[in-house]
Protein backbone atom coordinates (compact mmCIF):
# COMPACT_ATOMS: atom_id res chain seq x y z
CA MET A 1 42.46 -9.24 22.48
CA ALA A 2 44.91 -9.16 25.20
CA SER A 3 46.07 -10.56 28.49
CA ILE A 4 47.20 -8.11 31.05
CA SER A 5 49.64 -9.08 33.69
CA PHE A 6 51.32 -7.43 36.70
CA ARG A 7 54.69 -8.05 38.02
CA ASN A 8 55.60 -7.24 41.35
CA VAL A 9 53.88 -3.56 41.19
CA THR A 10 53.74 -1.11 43.94
CA LYS A 11 51.93 2.25 43.74
CA ARG A 12 52.39 5.01 46.54
CA PHE A 13 50.59 8.23 46.85
CA GLY A 14 52.81 9.86 49.37
CA ASP A 15 52.89 7.93 52.70
CA THR A 16 50.10 5.77 51.45
CA VAL A 17 50.95 2.47 49.64
CA ALA A 18 47.89 2.16 47.18
CA VAL A 19 49.09 -0.92 45.27
CA ASP A 20 50.98 -3.12 47.47
CA ASN A 21 53.95 -5.67 45.56
CA VAL A 22 50.94 -7.01 43.38
CA THR A 23 51.64 -9.89 40.95
CA LEU A 24 48.69 -10.61 38.95
CA ASP A 25 47.70 -12.47 35.25
CA ILE A 26 44.36 -11.48 33.82
CA ARG A 27 44.07 -14.15 30.56
CA ASP A 28 43.05 -13.13 26.91
CA ASN A 29 39.14 -13.12 26.96
CA ALA A 30 38.40 -13.34 30.57
CA PHE A 31 35.78 -11.16 32.61
CA PHE A 32 38.09 -10.51 35.73
CA CYS A 33 36.61 -8.97 38.61
CA LEU A 34 38.87 -6.97 41.08
CA PHE A 35 37.03 -7.21 44.12
CA GLY A 36 37.21 -5.41 47.87
CA PRO A 37 36.06 -2.90 50.21
CA PRO A 38 36.48 0.86 49.19
CA LEU A 39 40.32 2.22 49.33
CA SER A 40 41.88 -1.09 48.88
CA GLY A 41 43.66 -0.73 45.43
CA LYS A 42 40.85 -1.78 42.95
CA SER A 43 40.51 1.47 40.93
CA THR A 44 44.24 2.30 41.42
CA ILE A 45 45.07 -0.80 39.35
CA LEU A 46 42.56 0.34 36.51
CA LYS A 47 44.43 3.27 36.20
CA LEU A 48 47.84 1.67 36.06
CA ILE A 49 46.57 -0.54 33.21
CA LEU A 50 45.12 2.58 31.22
CA GLY A 51 48.30 4.43 32.06
CA LEU A 52 46.90 7.41 34.07
CA GLU A 53 48.90 6.42 36.65
CA HIS A 54 52.78 4.84 36.60
CA PRO A 55 53.97 2.24 39.09
CA ASP A 56 56.67 3.33 41.73
CA GLU A 57 58.21 -0.37 41.17
CA GLY A 58 57.52 -3.43 39.17
CA GLU A 59 56.21 -3.69 35.42
CA ILE A 60 52.94 -4.06 33.65
CA LEU A 61 52.50 -5.91 30.47
CA ILE A 62 49.45 -6.17 28.00
CA ASP A 63 49.80 -9.26 25.54
CA GLY A 64 53.03 -9.69 26.81
CA ARG A 65 54.43 -6.50 25.79
CA PRO A 66 55.84 -3.93 28.82
CA VAL A 67 53.80 -0.62 28.81
CA THR A 68 54.91 0.72 32.05
CA ASN A 69 56.52 4.03 29.51
CA VAL A 70 53.63 3.63 27.17
CA SER A 71 51.16 6.53 26.63
CA PRO A 72 47.52 5.71 27.69
CA ALA A 73 46.43 6.58 24.02
CA LYS A 74 48.98 3.89 22.70
CA ARG A 75 47.67 1.30 24.70
CA ASN A 76 44.65 1.22 22.98
CA VAL A 77 42.54 0.33 26.50
CA ALA A 78 38.68 1.53 26.76
CA MET A 79 37.63 2.79 30.32
CA VAL A 80 34.33 3.21 31.71
CA PHE A 81 34.31 5.64 34.91
CA GLN A 82 32.04 5.64 37.81
CA ASN A 83 30.95 8.75 37.37
CA LEU A 84 30.05 8.16 33.84
CA ALA A 85 31.87 11.51 32.65
CA LEU A 86 29.11 12.01 29.15
CA PHE A 87 29.86 14.97 27.54
CA PRO A 88 26.22 17.15 28.69
CA HIS A 89 26.20 19.08 25.32
CA MET A 90 26.25 15.94 23.24
CA THR A 91 23.35 13.71 22.22
CA ALA A 92 23.82 10.06 23.00
CA LEU A 93 24.67 9.17 19.72
CA LYS A 94 27.29 11.72 19.70
CA ASN A 95 28.80 10.47 23.18
CA ILE A 96 28.99 7.22 21.76
CA ARG A 97 30.64 8.26 18.38
CA PHE A 98 33.01 10.61 19.67
CA PRO A 99 36.17 8.14 20.41
CA LEU A 100 36.11 7.18 16.83
CA VAL A 101 35.40 10.31 15.55
CA GLU A 102 38.58 11.66 17.32
CA ARG A 103 40.33 9.17 15.80
CA ARG A 104 38.89 9.93 12.36
CA ILE A 105 37.48 6.76 11.69
CA ASP A 106 35.54 6.65 8.22
CA PRO A 107 31.50 7.66 8.52
CA GLN A 108 30.59 4.09 7.30
CA THR A 109 32.48 2.51 9.88
CA ILE A 110 31.20 4.54 12.48
CA ALA A 111 27.69 3.83 11.54
CA ALA A 112 28.39 0.30 11.60
CA ARG A 113 30.33 -0.11 15.15
CA VAL A 114 27.37 2.30 16.42
CA THR A 115 24.48 0.29 15.49
CA ASP A 116 26.13 -2.98 16.43
CA VAL A 117 26.71 -2.03 20.06
CA THR A 118 23.50 0.16 20.36
CA ASP A 119 21.69 -2.80 19.25
CA LYS A 120 23.50 -5.34 22.06
CA LEU A 121 22.76 -2.62 24.61
CA HIS A 122 18.98 -2.00 23.30
CA ILE A 123 19.50 1.82 23.25
CA GLY A 124 18.76 2.81 19.83
CA HIS A 125 15.47 4.48 20.77
CA ILE A 126 17.25 7.11 23.09
CA LEU A 127 20.27 8.09 20.72
CA HIS A 128 18.74 11.50 20.02
CA LYS A 129 18.36 12.33 23.78
CA PRO A 130 21.18 14.25 25.65
CA PRO A 131 22.16 13.08 28.64
CA ALA A 132 19.97 15.44 31.08
CA GLN A 133 17.32 13.55 29.68
CA LEU A 134 18.25 10.09 30.31
CA SER A 135 17.47 7.76 33.04
CA GLY A 136 20.29 6.52 35.40
CA GLY A 137 20.20 3.42 33.68
CA GLU A 138 20.03 4.79 30.20
CA ARG A 139 22.91 7.15 31.02
CA GLN A 140 24.80 3.88 32.20
CA ARG A 141 24.49 1.94 28.89
CA VAL A 142 25.70 4.88 26.75
CA ALA A 143 28.44 5.10 28.77
CA ILE A 144 29.22 1.62 28.43
CA ALA A 145 28.57 1.45 24.57
CA ARG A 146 31.05 4.74 24.26
CA ALA A 147 33.54 2.36 25.66
CA LEU A 148 32.70 -0.96 23.81
CA VAL A 149 32.57 1.06 20.41
CA ARG A 150 36.16 1.49 20.27
CA ASP A 151 37.00 -2.17 19.65
CA PRO A 152 39.91 -2.02 22.14
CA VAL A 153 42.32 -4.90 23.39
CA ALA A 154 40.65 -4.89 26.88
CA TYR A 155 37.94 -2.48 28.56
CA LEU A 156 38.06 -1.60 31.79
CA MET A 157 35.00 -0.81 34.03
CA ASP A 158 35.30 0.94 37.12
CA ASP A 159 32.20 0.07 39.64
CA PRO A 160 30.05 1.18 36.49
CA ILE A 161 26.59 0.21 37.81
CA SER A 162 26.51 1.08 41.47
CA ALA A 163 24.36 4.13 41.43
CA LEU A 164 21.29 2.06 39.47
CA ASP A 165 18.55 0.63 41.62
CA ALA A 166 19.06 -3.34 42.46
CA ARG A 167 16.72 -4.58 39.61
CA LEU A 168 18.38 -2.43 37.16
CA ARG A 169 21.81 -3.68 38.39
CA GLU A 170 21.06 -7.29 37.82
CA GLU A 171 20.09 -6.81 34.53
CA THR A 172 22.73 -4.91 33.49
CA ARG A 173 25.37 -7.37 34.78
CA VAL A 174 23.80 -10.15 32.73
CA GLU A 175 23.85 -7.67 29.60
CA LEU A 176 27.50 -6.89 30.27
CA ARG A 177 28.42 -10.74 30.76
CA ARG A 178 26.48 -11.75 27.57
CA ILE A 179 27.93 -8.51 25.59
CA GLN A 180 31.81 -9.55 27.11
CA GLN A 181 31.25 -13.35 26.05
CA GLN A 182 30.04 -12.30 22.38
CA MET A 183 32.76 -9.68 21.55
CA GLY A 184 35.57 -12.03 22.78
CA LYS A 185 37.57 -9.32 24.75
CA THR A 186 38.98 -8.96 28.10
CA LEU A 187 37.29 -6.87 30.48
CA VAL A 188 38.50 -6.02 33.82
CA TYR A 189 35.89 -5.07 36.33
CA VAL A 190 35.75 -3.36 39.72
CA THR A 191 33.24 -3.80 42.14
CA HIS A 192 32.71 -4.05 46.12
CA ASP A 193 29.47 -6.05 45.64
CA GLN A 194 30.42 -9.62 46.36
CA GLU A 195 27.29 -10.97 44.89
CA GLU A 196 27.97 -8.64 41.50
CA ALA A 197 31.38 -10.14 41.40
CA MET A 198 30.55 -13.94 41.83
CA SER A 199 27.59 -13.61 39.31
CA VAL A 200 29.69 -12.30 36.37
CA ALA A 201 33.21 -12.89 36.65
CA ASP A 202 35.53 -16.06 35.20
CA SER A 203 38.33 -15.17 37.70
CA MET A 204 38.57 -12.73 40.58
CA ALA A 205 41.27 -11.16 42.84
CA ILE A 206 40.55 -10.03 46.27
CA PHE A 207 41.94 -7.14 47.62
CA GLU A 208 42.98 -6.03 50.98
CA ASN A 209 44.86 -2.64 51.74
CA GLY A 210 46.57 -2.74 48.39
CA LYS A 211 47.43 -6.43 48.41
CA VAL A 212 46.11 -9.13 46.47
CA ARG A 213 44.97 -11.77 49.42
CA GLN A 214 43.66 -14.48 46.94
CA THR A 215 42.81 -14.80 43.00
CA GLY A 216 40.97 -17.85 41.40
CA LYS A 217 37.43 -18.68 40.08
CA PRO A 218 34.50 -17.35 42.36
CA GLU A 219 33.22 -20.74 43.18
CA ASP A 220 36.85 -21.86 44.01
CA LEU A 221 37.43 -18.72 46.41
CA TYR A 222 34.10 -19.33 48.12
CA ARG A 223 34.42 -23.05 48.60
CA HIS A 224 38.30 -22.93 49.49
CA PRO A 225 39.35 -19.35 51.13
CA ASN A 226 42.71 -19.27 51.97
CA SER A 227 41.96 -16.94 55.06
CA THR A 228 39.39 -15.45 57.62
CA TYR A 229 39.65 -12.38 55.35
CA VAL A 230 38.78 -14.07 52.28
CA ALA A 231 36.12 -16.18 53.90
CA SER A 232 34.38 -13.45 55.48
CA MET A 233 34.35 -11.23 51.82
CA LEU A 234 32.36 -13.74 50.21
CA GLY A 235 28.81 -15.12 51.06
CA ALA A 236 25.62 -13.50 52.34
CA PRO A 237 25.60 -14.05 55.16
CA ALA A 238 29.01 -14.37 55.61
CA MET A 239 31.02 -17.20 56.92
CA ASN A 240 30.69 -17.86 60.55
CA VAL A 241 34.11 -17.93 62.07
CA VAL A 242 34.26 -18.98 65.67
CA PRO A 243 36.98 -19.63 68.30
CA MET A 244 37.80 -23.74 68.43
CA GLY A 245 36.72 -23.29 72.07
CA LEU A 246 33.36 -23.13 70.86
CA ALA A 247 33.73 -26.11 68.30
CA SER A 248 32.55 -28.47 70.91
CA GLY A 249 28.97 -27.22 70.62
CA LEU A 250 28.83 -27.63 67.16
CA GLN A 251 29.42 -31.37 66.93
CA VAL A 252 32.43 -30.75 63.98
CA PRO A 253 33.93 -34.10 62.95
CA ASN A 254 37.90 -34.54 62.63
CA MET A 255 39.03 -31.29 64.21
CA PRO A 256 42.82 -30.68 63.95
CA THR A 257 44.51 -29.94 66.95
CA ARG A 258 46.50 -26.97 65.53
CA ALA A 259 43.72 -24.91 64.55
CA GLU A 260 42.61 -21.63 66.39
CA SER A 261 39.22 -21.08 64.60
CA LEU A 262 36.59 -22.69 62.86
CA GLY A 263 34.65 -21.35 59.72
CA VAL A 264 31.11 -22.39 58.72
CA ARG A 265 29.09 -21.11 55.94
CA PRO A 266 25.54 -20.71 56.93
CA GLU A 267 24.33 -23.06 54.56
CA ASN A 268 26.37 -25.79 56.03
CA LEU A 269 25.51 -25.22 59.54
CA ARG A 270 22.51 -28.20 60.43
CA ILE A 271 20.12 -27.45 63.11
CA ALA A 272 17.75 -29.74 64.62
CA SER A 273 15.87 -30.04 67.90
CA GLY A 274 17.84 -30.17 70.91
CA GLN A 275 20.13 -28.39 73.48
CA GLY A 276 23.15 -26.15 72.89
CA ALA A 277 22.26 -22.98 71.43
CA THR A 278 19.00 -20.67 71.29
CA ILE A 279 17.69 -19.00 68.08
CA THR A 280 17.16 -15.28 68.55
CA GLU A 281 16.12 -14.37 65.03
CA VAL A 282 13.92 -15.78 62.24
CA GLU A 283 14.05 -14.11 58.79
CA PRO A 284 11.85 -15.95 56.53
CA LEU A 285 12.56 -14.87 52.76
CA GLY A 286 10.44 -16.91 50.60
CA GLY A 287 12.44 -19.50 49.16
CA PHE A 288 14.92 -19.75 52.12
CA THR A 289 14.82 -18.70 55.90
CA THR A 290 17.96 -17.21 57.55
CA LEU A 291 18.24 -17.81 61.33
CA THR A 292 20.19 -16.26 63.98
CA VAL A 293 21.37 -18.52 66.56
CA ASP A 294 23.00 -17.89 69.93
CA LEU A 295 26.05 -20.36 70.99
CA GLN A 296 27.23 -19.51 74.46
CA GLY A 297 27.28 -15.64 73.91
CA THR A 298 28.44 -16.03 70.12
CA PRO A 299 26.11 -15.49 67.06
CA LEU A 300 25.85 -17.49 64.39
CA ARG A 301 23.92 -17.50 60.92
CA ALA A 302 22.41 -20.54 59.44
CA THR A 303 20.47 -20.71 55.85
CA LEU A 304 18.01 -22.94 55.73
CA ARG A 305 15.80 -23.87 52.43
CA GLY A 306 12.16 -23.11 52.38
CA GLN A 307 10.29 -21.90 55.37
CA PRO A 308 11.24 -24.57 58.36
CA ARG A 309 9.08 -24.25 61.71
CA PHE A 310 11.60 -22.74 63.85
CA SER A 311 10.97 -20.13 66.39
CA ALA A 312 12.77 -17.30 68.16
CA GLY A 313 13.78 -18.38 71.72
CA GLU A 314 13.91 -22.31 70.70
CA SER A 315 16.62 -24.33 71.76
CA VAL A 316 18.47 -26.30 69.03
CA ALA A 317 21.52 -28.58 68.52
CA LEU A 318 24.06 -27.37 66.00
CA SER A 319 26.18 -29.93 63.65
CA VAL A 320 28.46 -29.30 60.63
CA ASP A 321 28.67 -31.93 57.81
CA ALA A 322 32.04 -33.88 57.40
CA GLY A 323 34.01 -31.88 55.10
CA ARG A 324 32.27 -28.54 55.29
CA ALA A 325 34.19 -27.09 58.12
CA HIS A 326 37.26 -24.74 57.55
CA PHE A 327 39.97 -24.59 60.22
CA PHE A 328 42.63 -21.36 60.46
CA ASP A 329 45.66 -20.77 62.29
CA PRO A 330 46.13 -18.10 65.01
CA ALA A 331 46.94 -15.30 62.81
CA GLY A 332 43.41 -16.12 60.57
CA ALA A 333 45.59 -15.84 57.52
CA VAL A 334 46.34 -19.41 56.49
CA LEU A 335 43.91 -22.32 55.98
CA VAL A 336 45.30 -25.16 58.49
CA ALA A 337 42.76 -27.99 57.13
CA GLN A 338 39.76 -28.71 55.60
């Protein structure tokens, strides 16, 4: 078990700053997600933890001990790469056993660990097959099993289920969460899927261009984003952010005069019969319905429970519940009031 900390870490590749002065604390036994768009620095963070890359500035600590100059082999951290990197000439069983065989662990311990991990991942019936005979989901679970069997101080996973179909991704992320809790180990997980991050993480860090924009529990970041960037990254549909000049058409109470823009989550946008806006699209999705509403030329999204009887072209009035609006300064980077 181990905590992981970054202290003012910067990593450059030529003129590109991949990680920009990052300070970050990942507590012991956490399921921690690094979330952001592609090329925002997430995978570089994992490589720095693993020791495949070295910081140009700053310090990395594992369990309170500096590891900046410690080799990857001595850090005892396991990694699941995005491309899986299974050995094609080995069966699934041999792939899983490989890290333990290389470390010359005794056969009885290897057998016990393999049985324990493969039972947790429900892959005991495919251990005799080589990777070429496995489905994408099966290969993914073999790669995860190979990391889990090592008993490291922490697990690192670089977008490991992105290649799976939607249903299998959902099943696998639930399994990963369950296994992490059973094993009681720190797991650092990279993803660019906000639903995935919010559903599994104890805590998360949101990245942009190598910088950490906000850290915290997923529900706290969703409810209290510190910038328009963070607000737009979480939620599907994303938060509506409009200039304060349009706020009068939303009937928002208690608006601060110094705010430049207003943010409203789709589920907090109230719609009723009236005037001021026009519905342009209706998307019935079973348990809820998403509406697109035109407010003085600006499209807004609203999410309503069930299947309300609204139709495209209908005029409506918009409002926001007190305490459900977010106000941002001119830079969009600081929450002014809430």
